[in-house]
N, C-alpha and C. Protein backbone atom coordinates (compact mmCIF):
# COMPACT_ATOMS: atom_id res chain seq x y z
N UNK A 1 0.84 -1.20 0.00
CA UNK A 1 0.00 0.00 0.00
C UNK A 1 0.88 1.26 0.00
N UNK A 2 1.83 1.32 0.92
CA UNK A 2 2.71 2.48 1.02
C UNK A 2 3.53 2.66 -0.26
N UNK A 3 3.98 1.54 -0.83
CA UNK A 3 4.80 1.60 -2.04
C UNK A 3 4.02 2.23 -3.19
N UNK A 4 2.74 1.87 -3.30
CA UNK A 4 1.91 2.40 -4.39
C UNK A 4 1.74 3.91 -4.23
N UNK A 5 1.54 4.36 -2.99
CA UNK A 5 1.32 5.79 -2.73
C UNK A 5 2.59 6.58 -3.01
N UNK A 6 3.74 6.06 -2.56
CA UNK A 6 4.99 6.79 -2.71
C UNK A 6 5.61 6.62 -4.09
N UNK A 7 5.00 5.76 -4.93
CA UNK A 7 5.55 5.52 -6.26
C UNK A 7 5.45 6.79 -7.12
N UNK A 8 6.56 7.18 -7.75
CA UNK A 8 6.57 8.42 -8.56
C UNK A 8 5.52 8.38 -9.66
N UNK A 9 4.87 9.54 -9.89
CA UNK A 9 3.79 9.62 -10.88
C UNK A 9 4.32 9.60 -12.30
N UNK A 10 5.50 10.18 -12.51
CA UNK A 10 6.05 10.18 -13.87
C UNK A 10 7.53 9.80 -13.87
N UNK A 11 8.05 9.58 -15.07
CA UNK A 11 9.44 9.12 -15.22
C UNK A 11 10.43 10.17 -14.70
N UNK A 12 10.13 11.44 -14.96
CA UNK A 12 11.03 12.52 -14.53
C UNK A 12 11.19 12.51 -13.01
N UNK A 13 10.06 12.36 -12.32
CA UNK A 13 10.06 12.31 -10.86
C UNK A 13 10.84 11.09 -10.38
N UNK A 14 10.61 9.96 -11.05
CA UNK A 14 11.27 8.72 -10.70
C UNK A 14 12.78 8.86 -10.86
N UNK A 15 13.20 9.51 -11.95
CA UNK A 15 14.62 9.71 -12.23
C UNK A 15 15.24 10.57 -11.14
N UNK A 16 14.51 11.62 -10.73
CA UNK A 16 15.00 12.53 -9.70
C UNK A 16 15.21 11.77 -8.39
N UNK A 17 14.23 10.94 -8.02
CA UNK A 17 14.30 10.14 -6.79
C UNK A 17 15.48 9.17 -6.88
N UNK A 18 15.65 8.57 -8.05
CA UNK A 18 16.76 7.64 -8.27
C UNK A 18 18.10 8.32 -8.08
N UNK A 19 18.22 9.55 -8.61
CA UNK A 19 19.47 10.29 -8.48
C UNK A 19 19.74 10.66 -7.03
N UNK A 20 18.68 11.03 -6.31
CA UNK A 20 18.83 11.42 -4.91
C UNK A 20 19.28 10.22 -4.08
N UNK A 21 18.61 9.08 -4.28
CA UNK A 21 18.96 7.88 -3.51
C UNK A 21 20.36 7.40 -3.88
N UNK A 22 20.75 7.59 -5.15
CA UNK A 22 22.08 7.18 -5.59
C UNK A 22 23.14 8.02 -4.89
N UNK A 23 22.94 9.35 -4.88
CA UNK A 23 23.91 10.24 -4.24
C UNK A 23 23.95 9.98 -2.74
N UNK A 24 22.80 9.63 -2.16
CA UNK A 24 22.75 9.29 -0.74
C UNK A 24 23.58 8.05 -0.46
N UNK A 25 23.41 7.02 -1.30
CA UNK A 25 24.18 5.80 -1.14
C UNK A 25 25.68 6.07 -1.28
N UNK A 26 26.05 6.91 -2.24
CA UNK A 26 27.44 7.27 -2.46
C UNK A 26 28.01 7.94 -1.21
N UNK A 27 27.23 8.87 -0.64
CA UNK A 27 27.68 9.59 0.56
C UNK A 27 27.85 8.63 1.73
N UNK A 28 26.90 7.70 1.89
CA UNK A 28 26.95 6.73 2.99
C UNK A 28 28.17 5.83 2.85
N UNK A 29 28.41 5.29 1.64
CA UNK A 29 29.54 4.39 1.44
C UNK A 29 30.85 5.14 1.64
N UNK A 30 30.90 6.39 1.19
CA UNK A 30 32.09 7.21 1.37
C UNK A 30 32.35 7.42 2.86
N UNK A 31 31.30 7.70 3.61
CA UNK A 31 31.40 7.92 5.05
C UNK A 31 31.88 6.65 5.75
N UNK A 32 31.32 5.50 5.35
CA UNK A 32 31.72 4.23 5.95
C UNK A 32 33.18 3.93 5.65
N UNK A 33 33.63 4.25 4.43
CA UNK A 33 35.02 4.01 4.05
C UNK A 33 35.95 4.86 4.91
N UNK A 34 35.56 6.11 5.13
CA UNK A 34 36.37 7.02 5.95
C UNK A 34 36.43 6.51 7.39
N UNK A 35 35.31 5.99 7.89
CA UNK A 35 35.27 5.47 9.26
C UNK A 35 36.19 4.27 9.42
N UNK A 36 36.23 3.41 8.38
CA UNK A 36 37.08 2.23 8.42
C UNK A 36 38.55 2.64 8.41
N UNK A 37 38.88 3.63 7.58
CA UNK A 37 40.26 4.06 7.43
C UNK A 37 40.78 4.71 8.71
N UNK A 38 40.00 5.69 9.23
CA UNK A 38 40.44 6.39 10.42
C UNK A 38 39.63 5.92 11.63
N UNK A 39 40.28 5.67 12.75
CA UNK A 39 39.56 5.26 13.96
C UNK A 39 38.60 6.36 14.42
N UNK A 40 37.45 5.92 14.90
CA UNK A 40 36.43 6.87 15.32
C UNK A 40 36.93 7.66 16.54
N UNK A 41 36.96 8.98 16.37
CA UNK A 41 37.44 9.83 17.46
C UNK A 41 36.25 10.29 18.30
N UNK A 42 36.26 9.89 19.56
CA UNK A 42 35.18 10.29 20.47
C UNK A 42 35.66 11.50 21.27
N UNK A 43 34.93 12.62 21.17
CA UNK A 43 35.32 13.82 21.93
C UNK A 43 35.31 13.57 23.43
N UNK A 44 36.42 13.88 24.07
CA UNK A 44 36.52 13.66 25.52
C UNK A 44 36.20 14.97 26.24
N UNK A 45 35.25 14.93 27.16
CA UNK A 45 34.87 16.14 27.89
C UNK A 45 35.95 16.61 28.87
């Protein structure tokens, strides 16, 4: 039900959503790679 409602009405909208989710995935993987490379620094009070 939710999928049908949130499904893009046209191809242009769908493409836009695809690009957004793609860039989001790229940012997440980049962030994860950086975390693996450098140890997580926890601010000490």
